[in-house]
N, C-alpha and C. Protein backbone atom coordinates (compact mmCIF):
# COMPACT_ATOMS: atom_id res chain seq x y z
N MET A 1 -14.01 -5.79 8.28
CA MET A 1 -13.62 -4.67 8.88
C MET A 1 -13.64 -4.62 10.32
N ARG A 2 -14.20 -5.73 11.11
CA ARG A 2 -14.02 -5.80 12.47
C ARG A 2 -12.83 -6.66 12.71
N ALA A 3 -12.61 -7.41 11.96
CA ALA A 3 -11.31 -8.25 12.23
C ALA A 3 -9.89 -7.50 12.04
N ASN A 4 -10.24 -6.38 11.06
CA ASN A 4 -9.05 -5.39 11.00
C ASN A 4 -8.82 -4.21 11.98
N LEU A 5 -9.99 -4.06 13.10
CA LEU A 5 -9.92 -2.88 13.42
C LEU A 5 -8.61 -2.86 14.69
N ILE A 6 -8.39 -3.93 15.50
CA ILE A 6 -7.45 -4.04 16.31
C ILE A 6 -6.06 -3.65 15.63
N PRO A 7 -5.99 -4.60 14.61
CA PRO A 7 -4.34 -4.34 13.80
C PRO A 7 -4.47 -3.06 13.45
N GLY A 8 -5.38 -2.54 12.86
CA GLY A 8 -5.53 -1.15 12.27
C GLY A 8 -5.18 -0.09 13.53
N ILE A 9 -5.68 -0.49 14.65
CA ILE A 9 -5.45 0.80 15.73
C ILE A 9 -3.99 0.80 16.09
N ALA A 10 -3.32 -0.54 16.09
CA ALA A 10 -2.03 -0.61 16.32
C ALA A 10 -1.21 -0.18 15.29
N LEU A 11 -1.53 -0.13 14.16
CA LEU A 11 -0.80 0.54 13.06
C LEU A 11 -0.75 2.10 13.20
N TRP A 12 -2.11 2.45 13.43
CA TRP A 12 -2.15 3.87 13.63
C TRP A 12 -1.36 4.58 14.86
N ILE A 13 -1.35 3.80 15.75
CA ILE A 13 -0.59 4.39 16.85
C ILE A 13 0.81 4.33 16.40
N PHE A 14 1.19 3.57 15.82
CA PHE A 14 2.78 3.16 14.93
C PHE A 14 2.92 4.44 14.48
N GLY A 15 2.12 4.55 13.62
CA GLY A 15 2.33 5.81 12.44
C GLY A 15 2.43 7.18 13.35
N MET A 16 1.44 7.35 14.11
CA MET A 16 1.36 8.62 15.01
C MET A 16 2.81 8.75 15.73
N SER A 17 3.25 7.64 16.21
CA SER A 17 4.53 7.51 17.05
C SER A 17 5.59 8.23 16.09
N ILE A 18 5.56 7.67 14.64
CA ILE A 18 6.71 8.25 14.21
C ILE A 18 6.40 9.70 13.66
N VAL A 19 5.22 10.23 13.52
CA VAL A 19 4.82 11.63 13.22
C VAL A 19 5.53 12.49 14.45
N LEU A 20 4.84 11.90 15.56
CA LEU A 20 5.38 12.60 16.91
C LEU A 20 6.82 12.42 17.21
N SER A 21 7.42 11.48 16.86
CA SER A 21 8.86 11.59 16.86
C SER A 21 9.61 12.67 15.81
N TYR A 22 9.07 12.79 14.78
CA TYR A 22 9.38 13.72 13.89
C TYR A 22 9.35 15.18 14.17
N TYR A 23 8.24 15.54 14.99
CA TYR A 23 8.12 16.99 15.24
C TYR A 23 8.67 17.20 16.81
N PHE A 24 8.56 16.10 17.58
CA PHE A 24 8.80 16.48 19.07
C PHE A 24 10.11 15.84 19.63
N LEU A 25 10.87 14.93 18.85
CA LEU A 25 11.87 14.20 19.43
C LEU A 25 13.18 14.49 18.49
N GLU A 26 13.85 15.49 19.27
CA GLU A 26 15.05 16.09 18.59
C GLU A 26 16.22 14.92 18.15
N SER A 27 16.12 13.94 19.07
CA SER A 27 17.32 13.06 18.79
C SER A 27 16.95 12.12 17.60
N ALA A 28 15.64 11.98 17.19
CA ALA A 28 15.21 11.33 15.91
C ALA A 28 15.45 12.13 14.76
N ARG A 29 15.88 13.31 14.87
CA ARG A 29 16.01 14.06 13.44
C ARG A 29 17.00 13.59 12.49
N PRO A 30 18.17 13.07 13.03
CA PRO A 30 19.09 12.67 11.86
C PRO A 30 18.65 11.67 11.14
N ILE A 31 17.91 10.49 11.61
CA ILE A 31 17.14 9.44 10.94
C ILE A 31 16.22 10.03 9.92
N PHE A 32 15.17 11.24 10.16
CA PHE A 32 14.55 11.68 9.36
C PHE A 32 15.17 12.49 8.16
N ASP A 33 16.26 13.17 8.70
CA ASP A 33 16.95 13.91 7.71
C ASP A 33 17.65 12.87 6.72
N ARG A 34 18.15 11.57 7.24
CA ARG A 34 18.83 10.63 6.08
C ARG A 34 18.00 10.16 5.27
N VAL A 35 16.70 9.72 5.58
CA VAL A 35 15.74 9.34 4.96
C VAL A 35 15.10 10.32 3.98
N THR A 36 15.06 11.65 4.29
CA THR A 36 14.86 12.70 3.61
C THR A 36 15.72 12.96 2.14
N SER A 37 16.96 12.73 2.74
CA SER A 37 17.85 12.78 1.64
C SER A 37 17.94 11.93 0.76
N LEU A 38 17.84 10.50 1.19
CA LEU A 38 17.72 9.39 0.23
C LEU A 38 16.56 9.78 -0.61
N ARG A 39 15.27 10.11 -0.13
CA ARG A 39 14.01 10.29 -1.08
C ARG A 39 14.52 11.51 -2.04
N GLU A 40 15.08 12.59 -1.56
CA GLU A 40 15.33 13.61 -2.68
C GLU A 40 16.40 13.44 -3.73
N THR A 41 17.57 12.62 -3.21
CA THR A 41 18.48 12.18 -3.98
C THR A 41 18.11 11.33 -5.26
N TYR A 42 17.29 10.29 -4.68
CA TYR A 42 16.90 9.20 -5.74
C TYR A 42 15.44 9.20 -6.38
N GLY A 43 14.60 10.12 -5.82
CA GLY A 43 13.11 10.48 -6.29
C GLY A 43 12.44 9.09 -6.61
N PHE A 44 12.19 9.12 -7.84
CA PHE A 44 11.10 7.83 -8.09
C PHE A 44 11.93 6.53 -7.91
N LEU A 45 13.19 6.36 -8.20
CA LEU A 45 13.98 5.25 -7.83
C LEU A 45 13.83 4.69 -6.48
N TYR A 46 13.88 5.69 -5.74
CA TYR A 46 13.84 5.25 -3.94
C TYR A 46 12.30 4.73 -3.76
N SER A 47 11.30 5.53 -4.50
CA SER A 47 10.31 4.65 -4.26
C SER A 47 10.09 3.66 -4.81
N ALA A 48 10.34 3.32 -5.91
CA ALA A 48 10.37 2.00 -6.66
C ALA A 48 10.97 0.88 -5.63
N ILE A 49 12.03 1.35 -5.44
CA ILE A 49 12.85 0.28 -4.59
C ILE A 49 12.36 -0.18 -3.07
N SER A 50 11.98 1.07 -2.46
CA SER A 50 11.52 0.78 -1.13
C SER A 50 10.21 0.13 -1.16
N THR A 51 9.44 0.60 -1.98
CA THR A 51 7.94 0.03 -1.94
C THR A 51 8.00 -1.31 -2.47
N GLY A 52 8.88 -1.67 -3.55
CA GLY A 52 9.04 -3.15 -3.69
C GLY A 52 9.56 -3.89 -2.72
N ILE A 53 10.51 -3.50 -1.73
CA ILE A 53 10.96 -4.21 -0.62
C ILE A 53 9.58 -4.25 0.40
N PHE A 54 9.16 -3.22 0.86
CA PHE A 54 8.19 -3.39 1.97
C PHE A 54 6.85 -4.01 1.41
N ALA A 55 6.40 -3.68 0.20
CA ALA A 55 4.91 -4.18 -0.03
C ALA A 55 5.21 -5.46 -1.06
N GLY A 56 6.47 -5.71 -1.44
CA GLY A 56 6.56 -6.56 -2.42
C GLY A 56 7.39 -7.99 -1.75
N LEU A 57 8.84 -7.74 -1.58
CA LEU A 57 9.54 -8.84 -0.86
C LEU A 57 8.81 -9.32 0.39
N ILE A 58 8.71 -8.54 1.20
CA ILE A 58 8.50 -8.76 2.65
C ILE A 58 7.19 -9.60 2.78
N PRO A 59 6.08 -9.00 2.03
CA PRO A 59 4.90 -10.01 2.18
C PRO A 59 5.00 -11.19 1.44
N PHE A 60 5.85 -11.13 0.41
CA PHE A 60 6.07 -12.42 -0.52
C PHE A 60 6.74 -13.57 0.38
N LEU A 61 7.90 -12.98 1.19
CA LEU A 61 8.45 -13.87 1.94
C LEU A 61 7.46 -14.59 3.10
N TYR A 62 6.69 -13.74 3.58
CA TYR A 62 5.72 -14.18 4.71
C TYR A 62 4.49 -15.20 4.07
N LEU A 63 4.38 -14.89 2.93
CA LEU A 63 3.32 -15.98 2.24
C LEU A 63 4.28 -17.10 1.96
N LEU A 64 5.37 -17.14 1.49
CA LEU A 64 6.33 -18.34 1.13
C LEU A 64 6.36 -19.35 2.49
N PHE A 65 6.84 -18.65 3.54
CA PHE A 65 7.13 -19.47 4.79
C PHE A 65 5.82 -20.01 5.47
N ALA A 66 4.76 -18.99 5.11
CA ALA A 66 3.45 -19.65 5.45
C ALA A 66 2.73 -20.78 4.63
N LYS A 67 3.61 -21.02 3.69
CA LYS A 67 2.93 -21.91 2.60
C LYS A 67 1.66 -21.55 2.06
N ARG A 68 1.69 -20.39 1.65
CA ARG A 68 0.64 -20.02 0.96
C ARG A 68 0.78 -19.75 -0.70
N ILE A 69 1.88 -20.10 -0.83
CA ILE A 69 2.48 -20.03 -2.45
C ILE A 69 2.37 -21.37 -2.89
N VAL A 70 1.50 -21.35 -4.13
CA VAL A 70 1.51 -22.86 -4.75
C VAL A 70 2.53 -23.28 -5.39
N PRO A 71 3.05 -24.47 -4.92
CA PRO A 71 4.01 -25.03 -5.40
C PRO A 71 4.43 -24.86 -6.99
N GLY A 72 5.50 -24.46 -7.52
CA GLY A 72 5.88 -24.30 -8.98
C GLY A 72 5.67 -23.06 -9.30
N THR A 73 5.04 -22.00 -8.51
CA THR A 73 5.00 -20.62 -8.71
C THR A 73 5.55 -19.72 -8.34
N VAL A 74 6.48 -20.21 -7.16
CA VAL A 74 7.25 -19.39 -6.50
C VAL A 74 8.13 -18.31 -7.21
N LEU A 75 8.63 -18.50 -8.43
CA LEU A 75 9.21 -17.63 -8.93
C LEU A 75 8.57 -16.42 -9.70
N THR A 76 7.43 -16.72 -10.23
CA THR A 76 6.67 -15.95 -10.92
C THR A 76 5.93 -15.04 -10.08
N THR A 77 5.40 -15.68 -8.90
CA THR A 77 4.58 -14.92 -7.63
C THR A 77 5.57 -13.93 -7.20
N GLY A 78 6.80 -14.43 -6.91
CA GLY A 78 7.98 -13.40 -6.34
C GLY A 78 8.15 -12.20 -7.41
N LEU A 79 8.00 -12.45 -8.74
CA LEU A 79 8.22 -11.52 -9.58
C LEU A 79 7.16 -10.26 -9.76
N PHE A 80 6.06 -11.22 -9.44
CA PHE A 80 4.78 -10.25 -9.48
C PHE A 80 4.80 -9.34 -8.46
N TYR A 81 5.03 -9.96 -7.24
CA TYR A 81 5.09 -8.86 -5.95
C TYR A 81 5.96 -7.75 -6.30
N LEU A 82 7.18 -8.06 -6.45
CA LEU A 82 8.08 -6.95 -6.70
C LEU A 82 7.83 -6.17 -7.73
N LEU A 83 7.49 -6.66 -9.15
CA LEU A 83 7.43 -5.66 -10.16
C LEU A 83 6.04 -4.76 -9.98
N PHE A 84 5.19 -5.39 -9.43
CA PHE A 84 3.85 -4.70 -9.42
C PHE A 84 4.03 -3.46 -8.19
N TRP A 85 4.63 -4.17 -7.20
CA TRP A 85 4.50 -2.98 -5.97
C TRP A 85 5.68 -2.03 -6.25
N SER A 86 6.84 -2.33 -6.97
CA SER A 86 7.70 -1.22 -7.39
C SER A 86 7.06 -0.30 -8.37
N TYR A 87 6.31 -0.76 -9.34
CA TYR A 87 5.43 0.22 -10.08
C TYR A 87 4.37 1.07 -9.12
N ARG A 88 3.80 0.49 -8.27
CA ARG A 88 2.80 1.19 -7.48
C ARG A 88 3.58 2.24 -6.44
N GLY A 89 4.79 2.03 -6.25
CA GLY A 89 5.42 2.92 -5.46
C GLY A 89 5.97 4.07 -6.33
N VAL A 90 6.20 4.13 -7.53
CA VAL A 90 6.28 5.14 -8.47
C VAL A 90 5.20 6.14 -8.74
N GLU A 91 3.75 5.34 -8.83
CA GLU A 91 2.60 5.81 -9.01
C GLU A 91 2.23 6.62 -7.86
N VAL A 92 2.37 6.04 -6.44
CA VAL A 92 1.89 6.66 -5.19
C VAL A 92 2.70 8.07 -5.02
N ASP A 93 4.14 7.74 -5.57
CA ASP A 93 4.91 9.05 -5.39
C ASP A 93 4.62 10.33 -6.03
N ALA A 94 4.18 9.61 -7.47
CA ALA A 94 3.68 10.77 -8.17
C ALA A 94 2.29 11.45 -7.68
N PHE A 95 1.37 10.48 -7.18
CA PHE A 95 0.15 10.98 -6.64
C PHE A 95 0.45 12.06 -5.95
N TYR A 96 1.37 11.51 -4.60
CA TYR A 96 1.73 12.40 -3.69
C TYR A 96 1.99 13.86 -4.11
N ARG A 97 2.89 13.76 -5.14
CA ARG A 97 3.25 15.05 -5.52
C ARG A 97 2.22 15.79 -6.16
N PHE A 98 1.33 15.21 -6.84
CA PHE A 98 0.54 15.75 -7.48
C PHE A 98 -0.48 16.48 -6.33
N GLN A 99 -0.87 15.57 -5.54
CA GLN A 99 -1.76 16.34 -4.28
C GLN A 99 -0.91 17.60 -3.54
N ALA A 100 0.38 17.38 -3.64
CA ALA A 100 1.01 18.68 -3.17
C ALA A 100 0.71 19.76 -3.86
N TRP A 101 0.91 19.72 -5.07
CA TRP A 101 0.79 20.57 -5.98
C TRP A 101 -0.78 21.24 -6.14
N LEU A 102 -1.78 20.40 -5.85
CA LEU A 102 -3.24 20.63 -6.02
C LEU A 102 -3.46 21.37 -4.92
N PHE A 103 -3.24 20.58 -3.60
CA PHE A 103 -3.65 21.15 -2.38
C PHE A 103 -2.56 21.90 -1.41
N GLY A 104 -1.50 21.80 -1.79
CA GLY A 104 -0.23 22.19 -1.11
C GLY A 104 0.42 21.39 -0.27
N ASP A 105 1.66 21.85 0.41
CA ASP A 105 2.59 20.82 1.02
C ASP A 105 2.33 20.97 2.46
N ASP A 106 1.58 21.79 2.84
CA ASP A 106 1.73 22.17 4.15
C ASP A 106 0.87 21.05 5.06
N ASN A 107 0.89 20.99 6.52
CA ASN A 107 0.29 20.11 7.27
C ASN A 107 -0.85 20.67 8.01
N GLY A 108 -1.58 21.63 7.57
CA GLY A 108 -2.77 22.30 8.21
C GLY A 108 -4.01 21.45 7.81
N TRP A 109 -4.88 21.46 8.75
CA TRP A 109 -5.92 20.37 8.78
C TRP A 109 -6.63 20.45 7.68
N LYS A 110 -6.81 21.44 6.96
CA LYS A 110 -7.73 21.75 5.50
C LYS A 110 -7.14 20.88 4.75
N THR A 111 -5.62 21.24 4.59
CA THR A 111 -4.76 20.35 3.51
C THR A 111 -5.00 18.94 3.61
N ILE A 112 -4.73 18.49 4.70
CA ILE A 112 -4.81 17.06 5.08
C ILE A 112 -6.10 16.38 4.96
N VAL A 113 -7.22 17.11 5.31
CA VAL A 113 -8.59 16.74 5.11
C VAL A 113 -8.95 16.77 3.36
N SER A 114 -8.50 17.50 2.82
CA SER A 114 -8.51 17.41 1.57
C SER A 114 -7.78 16.41 0.46
N LYS A 115 -6.77 16.10 0.88
CA LYS A 115 -5.87 15.04 0.45
C LYS A 115 -6.25 13.66 0.81
N VAL A 116 -6.89 13.43 2.07
CA VAL A 116 -7.30 12.34 2.51
C VAL A 116 -8.65 12.20 1.87
N LEU A 117 -9.53 12.88 1.55
CA LEU A 117 -10.89 12.81 0.79
C LEU A 117 -10.58 12.26 -0.50
N PHE A 118 -9.62 13.35 -1.17
CA PHE A 118 -9.39 12.84 -2.50
C PHE A 118 -8.59 11.57 -2.97
N ASP A 119 -7.99 11.26 -1.89
CA ASP A 119 -7.04 10.00 -1.89
C ASP A 119 -8.25 8.97 -1.78
N GLN A 120 -9.04 8.81 -0.82
CA GLN A 120 -9.84 7.66 -0.58
C GLN A 120 -11.13 7.88 -1.38
N PHE A 121 -11.77 8.78 -1.59
CA PHE A 121 -13.06 8.57 -2.36
C PHE A 121 -12.80 9.15 -3.82
N VAL A 122 -11.81 9.32 -4.31
CA VAL A 122 -11.62 9.63 -5.75
C VAL A 122 -10.59 8.55 -6.33
N TYR A 123 -9.29 8.81 -6.12
CA TYR A 123 -8.08 7.75 -6.42
C TYR A 123 -8.43 6.29 -5.97
N CYS A 124 -8.91 6.00 -4.84
CA CYS A 124 -8.88 4.61 -4.56
C CYS A 124 -10.15 3.80 -5.26
N PRO A 125 -11.50 4.56 -5.32
CA PRO A 125 -12.43 3.69 -6.03
C PRO A 125 -12.20 3.93 -7.32
N VAL A 126 -11.76 4.80 -8.02
CA VAL A 126 -11.59 5.01 -9.30
C VAL A 126 -10.61 4.24 -10.08
N TRP A 127 -9.32 3.90 -9.28
CA TRP A 127 -8.16 3.52 -9.74
C TRP A 127 -7.64 2.53 -8.99
N ALA A 128 -7.26 2.85 -7.87
CA ALA A 128 -6.34 1.87 -6.98
C ALA A 128 -6.86 0.70 -6.62
N ALA A 129 -8.17 0.61 -6.04
CA ALA A 129 -8.93 -0.88 -5.77
C ALA A 129 -9.02 -1.33 -6.84
N PRO A 130 -9.70 -1.15 -8.13
CA PRO A 130 -9.97 -1.86 -9.18
C PRO A 130 -8.67 -2.43 -9.82
N MET A 131 -7.66 -1.32 -9.78
CA MET A 131 -6.51 -1.98 -10.56
C MET A 131 -5.89 -3.02 -9.47
N THR A 132 -5.74 -2.89 -8.19
CA THR A 132 -5.05 -3.77 -7.46
C THR A 132 -5.86 -5.40 -7.53
N ALA A 133 -7.14 -5.07 -7.49
CA ALA A 133 -8.14 -6.52 -7.52
C ALA A 133 -7.98 -7.10 -8.78
N ALA A 134 -7.84 -6.41 -9.83
CA ALA A 134 -7.58 -6.99 -11.35
C ALA A 134 -6.32 -7.75 -11.31
N CYS A 135 -5.30 -7.01 -10.82
CA CYS A 135 -3.91 -7.40 -10.81
C CYS A 135 -3.98 -8.73 -10.15
N TYR A 136 -4.47 -8.92 -8.96
CA TYR A 136 -4.33 -9.78 -8.10
C TYR A 136 -5.23 -10.80 -8.63
N ALA A 137 -6.39 -10.80 -9.10
CA ALA A 137 -6.99 -11.76 -9.90
C ALA A 137 -6.47 -12.44 -10.85
N TRP A 138 -5.46 -11.57 -11.77
CA TRP A 138 -4.52 -12.20 -12.84
C TRP A 138 -3.50 -13.11 -12.20
N ARG A 139 -3.05 -12.74 -11.20
CA ARG A 139 -2.04 -13.55 -10.72
C ARG A 139 -2.62 -14.81 -10.08
N ASP A 140 -4.01 -14.73 -9.63
CA ASP A 140 -4.71 -16.13 -9.10
C ASP A 140 -5.08 -17.14 -10.47
N VAL A 141 -5.40 -16.63 -11.27
CA VAL A 141 -5.53 -17.28 -12.70
C VAL A 141 -4.28 -17.75 -13.37
N GLY A 142 -3.16 -17.63 -12.77
CA GLY A 142 -2.01 -18.10 -13.54
C GLY A 142 -1.43 -17.10 -14.34
N PHE A 143 -1.72 -15.89 -14.31
CA PHE A 143 -1.36 -14.76 -15.33
C PHE A 143 -1.96 -15.09 -16.70
N SER A 144 -3.15 -15.63 -16.67
CA SER A 144 -3.78 -15.78 -18.10
C SER A 144 -5.01 -14.38 -18.25
N PHE A 145 -4.72 -13.95 -19.34
CA PHE A 145 -5.51 -12.95 -19.70
C PHE A 145 -6.74 -13.54 -20.38
N PRO A 146 -7.00 -14.48 -20.77
CA PRO A 146 -8.13 -15.24 -21.33
C PRO A 146 -9.20 -15.32 -20.00
N GLN A 147 -8.48 -15.95 -19.19
CA GLN A 147 -9.10 -16.25 -17.69
C GLN A 147 -9.57 -15.20 -17.01
N LEU A 148 -8.53 -14.08 -16.94
CA LEU A 148 -8.89 -12.97 -16.24
C LEU A 148 -10.08 -12.05 -16.73
N ARG A 149 -10.09 -12.20 -18.19
CA ARG A 149 -11.29 -11.79 -18.88
C ARG A 149 -12.47 -12.17 -18.60
N ARG A 150 -12.64 -13.52 -18.36
CA ARG A 150 -13.77 -14.34 -18.01
C ARG A 150 -14.12 -13.89 -16.36
N ARG A 151 -13.15 -13.52 -15.65
CA ARG A 151 -13.35 -13.33 -14.22
C ARG A 151 -13.70 -11.98 -13.85
N LEU A 152 -13.38 -11.03 -14.73
CA LEU A 152 -13.83 -9.66 -14.62
C LEU A 152 -15.37 -9.35 -15.00
N ASN A 153 -16.24 -9.92 -14.10
CA ASN A 153 -17.49 -9.90 -14.20
C ASN A 153 -18.08 -9.06 -13.29
N ARG A 154 -19.60 -9.01 -13.21
CA ARG A 154 -20.17 -8.17 -12.15
C ARG A 154 -20.07 -8.61 -10.71
N ARG A 155 -20.01 -9.74 -10.75
CA ARG A 155 -19.60 -10.29 -9.11
C ARG A 155 -18.11 -9.77 -8.88
N PHE A 156 -17.25 -9.82 -9.60
CA PHE A 156 -15.97 -9.61 -9.18
C PHE A 156 -15.79 -8.10 -8.74
N LEU A 157 -16.74 -7.06 -9.81
CA LEU A 157 -16.78 -5.62 -9.54
C LEU A 157 -17.44 -5.44 -8.16
N VAL A 158 -18.37 -6.02 -7.93
CA VAL A 158 -19.45 -5.91 -6.65
C VAL A 158 -18.72 -6.62 -5.46
N PHE A 159 -18.14 -7.53 -5.40
CA PHE A 159 -17.85 -8.26 -4.23
C PHE A 159 -16.14 -8.00 -4.21
N GLU A 160 -15.38 -8.38 -5.06
CA GLU A 160 -13.89 -8.59 -4.67
C GLU A 160 -13.42 -7.18 -4.72
N VAL A 161 -13.71 -6.30 -5.72
CA VAL A 161 -13.22 -4.73 -5.32
C VAL A 161 -13.87 -4.22 -4.32
N ALA A 162 -15.16 -4.39 -3.94
CA ALA A 162 -15.70 -3.76 -2.76
C ALA A 162 -15.04 -4.26 -1.20
N VAL A 163 -14.49 -5.81 -1.46
CA VAL A 163 -13.70 -6.19 -0.25
C VAL A 163 -12.38 -5.39 0.07
N ILE A 164 -11.78 -5.17 -1.23
CA ILE A 164 -10.51 -4.35 -1.11
C ILE A 164 -10.84 -3.06 -0.83
N LEU A 165 -11.86 -2.17 -1.40
CA LEU A 165 -12.09 -1.02 -1.03
C LEU A 165 -12.40 -0.71 0.45
N LEU A 166 -13.44 -1.63 1.20
CA LEU A 166 -13.59 -1.53 2.52
C LEU A 166 -12.53 -1.63 3.36
N SER A 167 -11.56 -2.63 2.94
CA SER A 167 -10.43 -2.77 3.73
C SER A 167 -9.64 -1.76 3.65
N THR A 168 -9.59 -1.06 2.44
CA THR A 168 -8.64 -0.02 2.26
C THR A 168 -9.17 1.37 2.99
N TRP A 169 -10.34 1.53 3.28
CA TRP A 169 -10.93 2.59 4.09
C TRP A 169 -10.79 2.35 5.61
N THR A 170 -10.94 0.95 5.70
CA THR A 170 -10.91 0.58 7.44
C THR A 170 -9.11 1.10 7.92
N ILE A 171 -8.39 0.82 6.89
CA ILE A 171 -6.83 0.89 7.16
C ILE A 171 -6.35 2.50 7.02
N TRP A 172 -6.95 2.81 5.75
CA TRP A 172 -6.13 4.11 5.15
C TRP A 172 -6.90 5.38 5.22
N ILE A 173 -8.21 5.53 5.86
CA ILE A 173 -8.35 6.87 6.00
C ILE A 173 -7.91 7.26 7.31
N PRO A 174 -7.80 6.49 8.49
CA PRO A 174 -6.79 7.41 9.23
C PRO A 174 -5.31 7.36 9.00
N ALA A 175 -4.96 6.37 8.29
CA ALA A 175 -3.52 6.24 7.92
C ALA A 175 -3.16 7.52 6.90
N THR A 176 -3.98 7.47 6.07
CA THR A 176 -3.43 8.74 5.02
C THR A 176 -3.27 9.88 5.70
N ALA A 177 -4.31 10.27 6.87
CA ALA A 177 -4.37 11.36 7.49
C ALA A 177 -2.86 11.48 8.47
N ILE A 178 -2.66 10.43 8.76
CA ILE A 178 -1.07 10.43 9.52
C ILE A 178 -0.01 10.61 8.61
N ILE A 179 -0.15 10.15 7.49
CA ILE A 179 1.10 9.98 6.56
C ILE A 179 1.13 11.66 5.50
N TYR A 180 0.00 12.20 5.61
CA TYR A 180 -0.05 13.67 5.10
C TYR A 180 0.40 14.48 6.31
N SER A 181 0.47 14.21 7.39
CA SER A 181 0.88 15.34 8.50
C SER A 181 2.36 15.33 8.40
N LEU A 182 3.13 14.45 7.65
CA LEU A 182 4.54 14.60 7.63
C LEU A 182 4.79 15.59 6.28
N PRO A 183 6.04 16.23 6.24
CA PRO A 183 6.47 16.63 4.83
C PRO A 183 6.52 15.56 3.76
N LEU A 184 6.31 16.00 2.57
CA LEU A 184 6.55 15.58 1.34
C LEU A 184 7.53 14.32 1.19
N PRO A 185 8.85 14.70 1.34
CA PRO A 185 9.80 14.03 1.29
C PRO A 185 9.40 12.50 2.22
N LEU A 186 9.10 12.59 3.22
CA LEU A 186 8.43 11.69 4.22
C LEU A 186 7.38 10.82 4.19
N GLN A 187 6.45 11.17 3.29
CA GLN A 187 5.56 10.64 3.06
C GLN A 187 5.52 9.27 2.46
N VAL A 188 6.38 9.04 1.68
CA VAL A 188 6.36 7.66 0.79
C VAL A 188 7.16 6.74 1.89
N PRO A 189 8.21 7.25 2.39
CA PRO A 189 8.76 6.08 3.61
C PRO A 189 7.45 5.42 4.58
N LEU A 190 6.61 6.57 5.25
CA LEU A 190 5.86 6.13 6.25
C LEU A 190 4.91 5.27 5.32
N PHE A 191 4.50 5.80 4.08
CA PHE A 191 3.41 4.86 3.36
C PHE A 191 3.89 3.36 3.46
N ASN A 192 5.20 3.06 3.13
CA ASN A 192 5.75 1.84 3.07
C ASN A 192 5.54 0.95 4.05
N LEU A 193 5.72 1.66 5.05
CA LEU A 193 5.42 1.02 6.44
C LEU A 193 4.05 0.37 6.75
N VAL A 194 3.11 1.26 6.32
CA VAL A 194 1.83 1.12 6.32
C VAL A 194 1.40 0.07 5.43
N LEU A 195 1.80 0.16 4.08
CA LEU A 195 1.52 -0.45 3.21
C LEU A 195 2.09 -2.06 3.21
N CYS A 196 3.17 -2.36 3.97
CA CYS A 196 3.51 -3.68 4.03
C CYS A 196 2.42 -4.51 4.88
N PHE A 197 1.95 -3.92 6.00
CA PHE A 197 0.77 -4.69 6.57
C PHE A 197 -0.46 -4.69 5.64
N PHE A 198 -0.76 -3.68 5.17
CA PHE A 198 -1.71 -3.69 4.07
C PHE A 198 -1.91 -4.73 2.95
N VAL A 199 -0.64 -4.96 2.55
CA VAL A 199 -0.80 -5.88 1.38
C VAL A 199 -0.71 -7.24 1.76
N LEU A 200 -0.28 -7.56 3.15
CA LEU A 200 -0.40 -8.88 3.64
C LEU A 200 -1.78 -9.19 3.66
N LEU A 201 -2.69 -8.09 4.24
CA LEU A 201 -4.10 -8.10 4.30
C LEU A 201 -4.83 -8.37 3.17
N VAL A 202 -4.37 -7.64 2.05
CA VAL A 202 -5.04 -7.82 0.61
C VAL A 202 -4.56 -9.15 0.09
N SER A 203 -3.43 -9.77 0.52
CA SER A 203 -3.07 -11.09 -0.14
C SER A 203 -3.93 -12.20 0.52
N VAL A 204 -4.41 -12.08 1.72
CA VAL A 204 -5.21 -12.96 2.39
C VAL A 204 -6.83 -12.90 1.92
N LEU A 205 -7.11 -11.80 1.92
CA LEU A 205 -8.47 -11.63 1.32
C LEU A 205 -8.59 -12.04 -0.16
N THR A 206 -7.73 -11.42 -0.95
CA THR A 206 -8.13 -12.00 -2.24
C THR A 206 -7.49 -13.28 -3.06
N SER A 207 -6.68 -13.87 -2.00
CA SER A 207 -5.76 -15.26 -2.36
C SER A 207 -6.98 -16.40 -2.71
N ARG A 208 -6.64 -16.92 -3.84
CA ARG A 208 -7.40 -17.99 -4.36
C ARG A 208 -6.47 -19.38 -4.24
N GLU A 209 -5.33 -19.18 -3.46
CA GLU A 209 -4.35 -20.30 -3.65
C GLU A 209 -4.85 -21.18 -2.29
N SER A 210 -4.72 -22.53 -2.51
CA SER A 210 -5.08 -23.40 -1.39
C SER A 210 -3.84 -23.49 -0.40
N ARG A 211 -4.20 -23.70 0.60
CA ARG A 211 -3.14 -23.72 1.80
C ARG A 211 -2.68 -25.16 1.79
N GLU A 212 -1.62 -25.48 1.74
CA GLU A 212 -0.75 -26.67 2.26
C GLU A 212 -1.19 -27.27 3.72
N PRO A 213 -1.28 -28.34 3.95
CA PRO A 213 -1.36 -28.69 5.46
C PRO A 213 -0.24 -28.44 6.17
N SER A 214 -0.57 -27.93 7.53
CA SER A 214 0.67 -27.83 8.24
C SER A 214 0.97 -29.16 8.97
């Protein structure tokens, strides 16, 4: 958590600058309008493709060039990143829509606080963190379900899920407050920018791949 604090602060400043640009920088409005149009036109397809790129393709390329991909698994690992995060993009889009229905789609502080609390202390510990940890563990054991079942023990739940959850709270409690400050159509695009950094963090924390000598 301490190691993530400085990158997290930089990320929050970046996210807040986008929010402030939306509300106060008139010259930036055409860009936001274009993104909004794409999001509203293509809906869940936009969320799948954009999240697949930002959270799947970009982190995968980073790991590939950093030599953190086990030789012989480049194709399967790349497909895992793309398919997993494309699905998560659709899931998060649906979750944001559900929260807008549940709490409202305004940017009042009560609405933002309600969404952040429900996001970080219900959705994340109950579903998002365990599912992410399990999927990355499945990747680490070579996509073997028998090995995955052996790995899903008490230590996994206590340590690996806890690591992801603590990392999630470090980055995402402030980040989700920033994301929920934007209108619903712009929440997934900003989520993707934050997620790109976060997936790199999760990849390092949960990786069981040996590094090649530099």
